[in-house]
PDB file of N, CA and C in Angstrom:
ATOM      1  N   UNK A   1      88.778 102.418 149.024  1.00  0.00           N
ATOM      2  CA  UNK A   1      87.987 101.279 148.635  1.00  0.00           C
ATOM      3  C   UNK A   1      87.410 101.437 147.237  1.00  0.00           C
ATOM      4  N   UNK A   2      87.010 102.632 146.875  1.00  0.00           N
ATOM      5  CA  UNK A   2      86.411 102.840 145.559  1.00  0.00           C
ATOM      6  C   UNK A   2      87.430 102.597 144.458  1.00  0.00           C
ATOM      7  N   UNK A   3      88.687 102.914 144.713  1.00  0.00           N
ATOM      8  CA  UNK A   3      89.719 102.712 143.703  1.00  0.00           C
ATOM      9  C   UNK A   3      89.960 101.228 143.442  1.00  0.00           C
ATOM     10  N   UNK A   4      89.761 100.396 144.444  1.00  0.00           N
ATOM     11  CA  UNK A   4      89.961  98.960 144.269  1.00  0.00           C
ATOM     12  C   UNK A   4      88.874  98.348 143.390  1.00  0.00           C
ATOM     13  N   UNK A   5      87.677  98.888 143.407  1.00  0.00           N
ATOM     14  CA  UNK A   5      86.580  98.335 142.616  1.00  0.00           C
ATOM     15  C   UNK A   5      86.689  98.685 141.140  1.00  0.00           C
ATOM     16  N   UNK A   6      87.348  99.771 140.817  1.00  0.00           N
ATOM     17  CA  UNK A   6      87.452 100.204 139.425  1.00  0.00           C
ATOM     18  C   UNK A   6      88.218  99.193 138.579  1.00  0.00           C
ATOM     19  N   UNK A   7      89.399  98.698 138.995  1.00  0.00           N
ATOM     20  CA  UNK A   7      90.090  97.708 138.166  1.00  0.00           C
ATOM     21  C   UNK A   7      89.301  96.414 137.993  1.00  0.00           C
ATOM     22  N   UNK A   8      88.537  96.033 138.993  1.00  0.00           N
ATOM     23  CA  UNK A   8      87.737  94.816 138.880  1.00  0.00           C
ATOM     24  C   UNK A   8      86.706  94.982 137.776  1.00  0.00           C
ATOM     25  N   UNK A   9      86.065  96.136 137.697  1.00  0.00           N
ATOM     26  CA  UNK A   9      85.084  96.373 136.641  1.00  0.00           C
ATOM     27  C   UNK A   9      85.760  96.379 135.279  1.00  0.00           C
ATOM     28  N   UNK A  10      86.957  96.965 135.201  1.00  0.00           N
ATOM     29  CA  UNK A  10      87.669  96.976 133.931  1.00  0.00           C
ATOM     30  C   UNK A  10      88.022  95.559 133.505  1.00  0.00           C
ATOM     31  N   UNK A  11      88.442  94.727 134.473  1.00  0.00           N
ATOM     32  CA  UNK A  11      88.768  93.340 134.153  1.00  0.00           C
ATOM     33  C   UNK A  11      87.515  92.587 133.710  1.00  0.00           C
ATOM     34  N   UNK A  12      86.389  92.863 134.376  1.00  0.00           N
ATOM     35  CA  UNK A  12      85.134  92.215 133.981  1.00  0.00           C
ATOM     36  C   UNK A  12      84.735  92.654 132.583  1.00  0.00           C
ATOM     37  N   UNK A  13      84.914  93.945 132.274  1.00  0.00           N
ATOM     38  CA  UNK A  13      84.590  94.444 130.936  1.00  0.00           C
ATOM     39  C   UNK A  13      85.489  93.797 129.892  1.00  0.00           C
ATOM     40  N   UNK A  14      86.769  93.642 130.199  1.00  0.00           N
ATOM     41  CA  UNK A  14      87.689  93.005 129.256  1.00  0.00           C
ATOM     42  C   UNK A  14      87.291  91.558 129.021  1.00  0.00           C
ATOM     43  N   UNK A  15      86.936  90.875 130.088  1.00  0.00           N
ATOM     44  CA  UNK A  15      86.515  89.482 129.957  1.00  0.00           C
ATOM     45  C   UNK A  15      85.234  89.388 129.140  1.00  0.00           C
ATOM     46  N   UNK A  16      84.288  90.277 129.407  1.00  0.00           N
ATOM     47  CA  UNK A  16      83.038  90.279 128.650  1.00  0.00           C
ATOM     48  C   UNK A  16      83.295  90.604 127.187  1.00  0.00           C
ATOM     49  N   UNK A  17      84.211  91.530 126.915  1.00  0.00           N
ATOM     50  CA  UNK A  17      84.548  91.872 125.527  1.00  0.00           C
ATOM     51  C   UNK A  17      85.196  90.693 124.820  1.00  0.00           C
ATOM     52  N   UNK A  18      86.078  89.981 125.515  1.00  0.00           N
ATOM     53  CA  UNK A  18      86.725  88.818 124.909  1.00  0.00           C
ATOM     54  C   UNK A  18      85.711  87.717 124.618  1.00  0.00           C
ATOM     55  N   UNK A  19      84.788  87.509 125.539  1.00  0.00           N
ATOM     56  CA  UNK A  19      83.754  86.490 125.335  1.00  0.00           C
ATOM     57  C   UNK A  19      82.865  86.875 124.163  1.00  0.00           C
ATOM     58  N   UNK A  20      82.453  88.130 124.100  1.00  0.00           N
ATOM     59  CA  UNK A  20      81.621  88.590 122.983  1.00  0.00           C
ATOM     60  C   UNK A  20      82.373  88.511 121.662  1.00  0.00           C
ATOM     61  N   UNK A  21      83.652  88.850 121.694  1.00  0.00           N
ATOM     62  CA  UNK A  21      84.460  88.772 120.482  1.00  0.00           C
ATOM     63  C   UNK A  21      84.576  87.326 120.001  1.00  0.00           C
ATOM     64  N   UNK A  22      84.803  86.409 120.915  1.00  0.00           N
ATOM     65  CA  UNK A  22      84.889  84.992 120.551  1.00  0.00           C
ATOM     66  C   UNK A  22      83.552  84.487 120.024  1.00  0.00           C
ATOM     67  N   UNK A  23      82.465  84.925 120.646  1.00  0.00           N
ATOM     68  CA  UNK A  23      81.134  84.511 120.206  1.00  0.00           C
ATOM     69  C   UNK A  23      80.851  85.017 118.791  1.00  0.00           C
ATOM     70  N   UNK A  24      81.200  86.276 118.520  1.00  0.00           N
ATOM     71  CA  UNK A  24      81.004  86.838 117.178  1.00  0.00           C
ATOM     72  C   UNK A  24      81.849  86.103 116.146  1.00  0.00           C
ATOM     73  N   UNK A  25      83.084  85.777 116.507  1.00  0.00           N
ATOM     74  CA  UNK A  25      83.969  85.053 115.587  1.00  0.00           C
ATOM     75  C   UNK A  25      83.394  83.677 115.249  1.00  0.00           C
ATOM     76  N   UNK A  26      82.967  82.948 116.262  1.00  0.00           N
ATOM     77  CA  UNK A  26      82.408  81.615 116.022  1.00  0.00           C
ATOM     78  C   UNK A  26      81.127  81.685 115.204  1.00  0.00           C
ATOM     79  N   UNK A  27      80.294  82.670 115.467  1.00  0.00           N
ATOM     80  CA  UNK A  27      79.056  82.820 114.715  1.00  0.00           C
ATOM     81  C   UNK A  27      79.335  83.169 113.261  1.00  0.00           C
ATOM     82  N   UNK A  28      80.280  84.069 113.021  1.00  0.00           N
ATOM     83  CA  UNK A  28      80.605  84.424 111.637  1.00  0.00           C
ATOM     84  C   UNK A  28      81.273  83.252 110.920  1.00  0.00           C
ATOM     85  N   UNK A  29      82.080  82.483 111.632  1.00  0.00           N
ATOM     86  CA  UNK A  29      82.688  81.292 111.025  1.00  0.00           C
ATOM     87  C   UNK A  29      81.614  80.282 110.645  1.00  0.00           C
ATOM     88  N   UNK A  30      80.655  80.078 111.510  1.00  0.00           N
ATOM     89  CA  UNK A  30      79.551  79.157 111.231  1.00  0.00           C
ATOM     90  C   UNK A  30      78.765  79.619 110.005  1.00  0.00           C
ATOM     91  N   UNK A  31      78.491  80.916 109.918  1.00  0.00           N
ATOM     92  CA  UNK A  31      77.751  81.445 108.769  1.00  0.00           C
ATOM     93  C   UNK A  31      78.542  81.291 107.475  1.00  0.00           C
ATOM     94  N   UNK A  32      79.852  81.470 107.528  1.00  0.00           N
ATOM     95  CA  UNK A  32      80.682  81.287 106.333  1.00  0.00           C
ATOM     96  C   UNK A  32      80.709  79.823 105.909  1.00  0.00           C
ATOM     97  N   UNK A  33      80.756  78.912 106.868  1.00  0.00           N
ATOM     98  CA  UNK A  33      80.775  77.486 106.532  1.00  0.00           C
ATOM     99  C   UNK A  33      79.469  77.036 105.883  1.00  0.00           C
ATOM    100  N   UNK A  34      78.372  77.716 106.184  1.00  0.00           N
ATOM    101  CA  UNK A  34      77.106  77.381 105.527  1.00  0.00           C
ATOM    102  C   UNK A  34      77.132  77.760 104.053  1.00  0.00           C
ATOM    103  N   UNK A  35      77.983  78.719 103.668  1.00  0.00           N
ATOM    104  CA  UNK A  35      78.064  79.172 102.281  1.00  0.00           C
ATOM    105  C   UNK A  35      78.972  78.288 101.426  1.00  0.00           C
ATOM    106  N   UNK A  36      79.754  77.429 102.051  1.00  0.00           N
ATOM    107  CA  UNK A  36      80.723  76.606 101.326  1.00  0.00           C
ATOM    108  C   UNK A  36      80.000  75.551 100.500  1.00  0.00           C
ATOM    109  N   UNK A  37      80.487  75.354  99.271  1.00  0.00           N
ATOM    110  CA  UNK A  37      79.964  74.284  98.415  1.00  0.00           C
ATOM    111  C   UNK A  37      80.787  73.039  98.710  1.00  0.00           C
ATOM    112  N   UNK A  38      80.203  72.095  99.438  1.00  0.00           N
ATOM    113  CA  UNK A  38      80.911  70.888  99.821  1.00  0.00           C
ATOM    114  C   UNK A  38      80.798  69.863  98.701  1.00  0.00           C
ATOM    115  N   UNK A  39      81.901  69.181  98.362  1.00  0.00           N
ATOM    116  CA  UNK A  39      81.839  68.178  97.292  1.00  0.00           C
ATOM    117  C   UNK A  39      81.092  66.931  97.758  1.00  0.00           C
ATOM    118  N   UNK A  40      80.479  66.250  96.767  1.00  0.00           N
ATOM    119  CA  UNK A  40      79.842  64.985  97.120  1.00  0.00           C
ATOM    120  C   UNK A  40      80.906  63.893  97.173  1.00  0.00           C
ATOM    121  N   UNK A  41      80.506  62.670  97.483  1.00  0.00           N
ATOM    122  CA  UNK A  41      81.462  61.578  97.684  1.00  0.00           C
ATOM    123  C   UNK A  41      82.279  61.300  96.424  1.00  0.00           C
ATOM    124  N   UNK A  42      81.626  61.289  95.256  1.00  0.00           N
ATOM    125  CA  UNK A  42      82.324  61.005  94.001  1.00  0.00           C
ATOM    126  C   UNK A  42      83.376  62.073  93.712  1.00  0.00           C
ATOM    127  N   UNK A  43      83.011  63.331  93.881  1.00  0.00           N
ATOM    128  CA  UNK A  43      83.963  64.420  93.660  1.00  0.00           C
ATOM    129  C   UNK A  43      85.126  64.333  94.649  1.00  0.00           C
ATOM    130  N   UNK A  44      84.813  64.032  95.896  1.00  0.00           N
ATOM    131  CA  UNK A  44      85.841  63.950  96.926  1.00  0.00           C
ATOM    132  C   UNK A  44      86.852  62.851  96.611  1.00  0.00           C
ATOM    133  N   UNK A  45      86.369  61.703  96.171  1.00  0.00           N
ATOM    134  CA  UNK A  45      87.266  60.604  95.804  1.00  0.00           C
ATOM    135  C   UNK A  45      88.118  61.002  94.600  1.00  0.00           C
ATOM    136  N   UNK A  46      87.508  61.656  93.621  1.00  0.00           N
ATOM    137  CA  UNK A  46      88.260  62.108  92.450  1.00  0.00           C
ATOM    138  C   UNK A  46      89.328  63.122  92.804  1.00  0.00           C
ATOM    139  N   UNK A  47      88.981  64.103  93.631  1.00  0.00           N
ATOM    140  CA  UNK A  47      89.943  65.124  94.041  1.00  0.00           C
ATOM    141  C   UNK A  47      91.084  64.503  94.853  1.00  0.00           C
ATOM    142  N   UNK A  48      90.742  63.542  95.704  1.00  0.00           N
ATOM    143  CA  UNK A  48      91.763  62.871  96.503  1.00  0.00           C
ATOM    144  C   UNK A  48      92.727  62.110  95.607  1.00  0.00           C
ATOM    145  N   UNK A  49      92.197  61.450  94.585  1.00  0.00           N
ATOM    146  CA  UNK A  49      93.048  60.735  93.636  1.00  0.00           C
ATOM    147  C   UNK A  49      93.992  61.669  92.904  1.00  0.00           C
ATOM    148  N   UNK A  50      93.482  62.817  92.492  1.00  0.00           N
ATOM    149  CA  UNK A  50      94.325  63.798  91.798  1.00  0.00           C
ATOM    150  C   UNK A  50      95.444  64.285  92.717  1.00  0.00           C
ATOM    151  N   UNK A  51      95.125  64.566  93.961  1.00  0.00           N
ATOM    152  CA  UNK A  51      96.136  65.046  94.910  1.00  0.00           C
ATOM    153  C   UNK A  51      97.191  63.972  95.154  1.00  0.00           C
ATOM    154  N   UNK A  52      96.764  62.735  95.391  1.00  0.00           N
ATOM    155  CA  UNK A  52      97.726  61.657  95.634  1.00  0.00           C
ATOM    156  C   UNK A  52      98.623  61.429  94.425  1.00  0.00           C
ATOM    157  N   UNK A  53      98.044  61.434  93.225  1.00  0.00           N
ATOM    158  CA  UNK A  53      98.834  61.259  92.012  1.00  0.00           C
ATOM    159  C   UNK A  53      99.857  62.383  91.864  1.00  0.00           C
ATOM    160  N   UNK A  54      99.428  63.610  92.105  1.00  0.00           N
ATOM    161  CA  UNK A  54     100.325  64.759  91.984  1.00  0.00           C
ATOM    162  C   UNK A  54     101.461  64.684  93.002  1.00  0.00           C
ATOM    163  N   UNK A  55     101.141  64.313  94.226  1.00  0.00           N
ATOM    164  CA  UNK A  55     102.174  64.194  95.262  1.00  0.00           C
ATOM    165  C   UNK A  55     103.187  63.123  94.879  1.00  0.00           C
ATOM    166  N   UNK A  56     102.702  61.977  94.409  1.00  0.00           N
ATOM    167  CA  UNK A  56     103.611  60.908  93.993  1.00  0.00           C
ATOM    168  C   UNK A  56     104.466  61.329  92.804  1.00  0.00           C
ATOM    169  N   UNK A  57     103.871  62.014  91.850  1.00  0.00           N
ATOM    170  CA  UNK A  57     104.609  62.470  90.676  1.00  0.00           C
ATOM    171  C   UNK A  57     105.703  63.465  91.056  1.00  0.00           C
ATOM    172  N   UNK A  58     105.372  64.433  91.875  1.00  0.00           N
ATOM    173  CA  UNK A  58     106.364  65.427  92.304  1.00  0.00           C
ATOM    174  C   UNK A  58     107.455  64.753  93.137  1.00  0.00           C
ATOM    175  N   UNK A  59     107.070  63.821  93.999  1.00  0.00           N
ATOM    176  CA  UNK A  59     108.062  63.084  94.780  1.00  0.00           C
ATOM    177  C   UNK A  59     109.007  62.299  93.889  1.00  0.00           C
ATOM    178  N   UNK A  60     108.470  61.661  92.849  1.00  0.00           N
ATOM    179  CA  UNK A  60     109.293  60.911  91.901  1.00  0.00           C
ATOM    180  C   UNK A  60     110.258  61.834  91.161  1.00  0.00           C
ATOM    181  N   UNK A  61     109.772  62.982  90.727  1.00  0.00           N
ATOM    182  CA  UNK A  61     110.627  63.945  90.021  1.00  0.00           C
ATOM    183  C   UNK A  61     111.757  64.429  90.928  1.00  0.00           C
ATOM    184  N   UNK A  62     111.433  64.753  92.163  1.00  0.00           N
ATOM    185  CA  UNK A  62     112.466  65.211  93.104  1.00  0.00           C
ATOM    186  C   UNK A  62     113.478  64.100  93.357  1.00  0.00           C
ATOM    187  N   UNK A  63     113.006  62.857  93.516  1.00  0.00           N
ATOM    188  CA  UNK A  63     113.904  61.723  93.745  1.00  0.00           C
ATOM    189  C   UNK A  63     114.833  61.514  92.550  1.00  0.00           C
ATOM    190  N   UNK A  64     114.288  61.637  91.336  1.00  0.00           N
ATOM    191  CA  UNK A  64     115.114  61.464  90.142  1.00  0.00           C
ATOM    192  C   UNK A  64     116.197  62.540  90.053  1.00  0.00           C
ATOM    193  N   UNK A  65     115.830  63.786  90.291  1.00  0.00           N
ATOM    194  CA  UNK A  65     116.823  64.867  90.276  1.00  0.00           C
ATOM    195  C   UNK A  65     117.881  64.658  91.359  1.00  0.00           C
ATOM    196  N   UNK A  66     117.446  64.272  92.547  1.00  0.00           N
ATOM    197  CA  UNK A  66     118.375  64.048  93.649  1.00  0.00           C
ATOM    198  C   UNK A  66     119.336  62.908  93.321  1.00  0.00           C
ATOM    199  N   UNK A  67     118.806  61.812  92.808  1.00  0.00           N
ATOM    200  CA  UNK A  67     119.658  60.671  92.452  1.00  0.00           C
ATOM    201  C   UNK A  67     120.621  61.038  91.329  1.00  0.00           C
ATOM    202  N   UNK A  68     120.130  61.737  90.333  1.00  0.00           N
ATOM    203  CA  UNK A  68     120.979  62.144  89.216  1.00  0.00           C
ATOM    204  C   UNK A  68     122.098  63.064  89.652  1.00  0.00           C
ATOM    205  N   UNK A  69     121.762  64.062  90.449  1.00  0.00           N
ATOM    206  CA  UNK A  69     122.793  64.988  90.930  1.00  0.00           C
ATOM    207  C   UNK A  69     123.789  64.284  91.846  1.00  0.00           C
ATOM    208  N   UNK A  70     123.307  63.372  92.685  1.00  0.00           N
ATOM    209  CA  UNK A  70     124.214  62.616  93.553  1.00  0.00           C
ATOM    210  C   UNK A  70     125.186  61.797  92.719  1.00  0.00           C
ATOM    211  N   UNK A  71     124.687  61.151  91.673  1.00  0.00           N
ATOM    212  CA  UNK A  71     125.535  60.339  90.797  1.00  0.00           C
ATOM    213  C   UNK A  71     126.593  61.200  90.114  1.00  0.00           C
ATOM    214  N   UNK A  72     126.160  62.330  89.561  1.00  0.00           N
ATOM    215  CA  UNK A  72     127.089  63.220  88.855  1.00  0.00           C
ATOM    216  C   UNK A  72     128.135  63.778  89.810  1.00  0.00           C
ATOM    217  N   UNK A  73     127.725  64.248  90.968  1.00  0.00           N
ATOM    218  CA  UNK A  73     128.672  64.822  91.924  1.00  0.00           C
ATOM    219  C   UNK A  73     129.627  63.768  92.465  1.00  0.00           C
ATOM    220  N   UNK A  74     129.134  62.555  92.679  1.00  0.00           N
ATOM    221  CA  UNK A  74     130.007  61.480  93.148  1.00  0.00           C
ATOM    222  C   UNK A  74     131.099  61.187  92.112  1.00  0.00           C
ATOM    223  N   UNK A  75     130.711  61.101  90.842  1.00  0.00           N
ATOM    224  CA  UNK A  75     131.692  60.864  89.779  1.00  0.00           C
ATOM    225  C   UNK A  75     132.676  62.034  89.672  1.00  0.00           C
ATOM    226  N   UNK A  76     132.166  63.250  89.825  1.00  0.00           N
ATOM    227  CA  UNK A  76     133.010  64.437  89.738  1.00  0.00           C
ATOM    228  C   UNK A  76     134.040  64.466  90.864  1.00  0.00           C
ATOM    229  N   UNK A  77     133.606  64.175  92.090  1.00  0.00           N
ATOM    230  CA  UNK A  77     134.524  64.195  93.229  1.00  0.00           C
ATOM    231  C   UNK A  77     135.546  63.068  93.151  1.00  0.00           C
ATOM    232  N   UNK A  78     135.127  61.903  92.647  1.00  0.00           N
ATOM    233  CA  UNK A  78     136.080  60.800  92.488  1.00  0.00           C
ATOM    234  C   UNK A  78     137.119  61.143  91.425  1.00  0.00           C
ATOM    235  N   UNK A  79     136.700  61.842  90.380  1.00  0.00           N
ATOM    236  CA  UNK A  79     137.631  62.229  89.320  1.00  0.00           C
ATOM    237  C   UNK A  79     138.614  63.287  89.814  1.00  0.00           C
ATOM    238  N   UNK A  80     138.177  64.140  90.729  1.00  0.00           N
ATOM    239  CA  UNK A  80     139.041  65.197  91.249  1.00  0.00           C
ATOM    240  C   UNK A  80     140.031  64.651  92.275  1.00  0.00           C
ATOM    241  N   UNK A  81     139.717  63.559  92.917  1.00  0.00           N
ATOM    242  CA  UNK A  81     140.576  63.027  93.992  1.00  0.00           C
ATOM    243  C   UNK A  81     141.748  62.250  93.489  1.00  0.00           C
TER     244      UNK A  81
END
């Protein structure tokens, strides 16, 4: 009977350790988030505009390269056939 109780205590200790570990992680995450410099509304709108413009610009550049290469390869394959 005593041997059966030992694994139960080990499982309880593991569960308690996992709970304490999760609690420490959440507490440290909360403390780190308090240190973050959050942008105000004007900065956030400006940063969002910069990101959207950059995404559109990169997308346009990729589309232009893709279209150009498709055109060149199509002409090349037609000339070879």
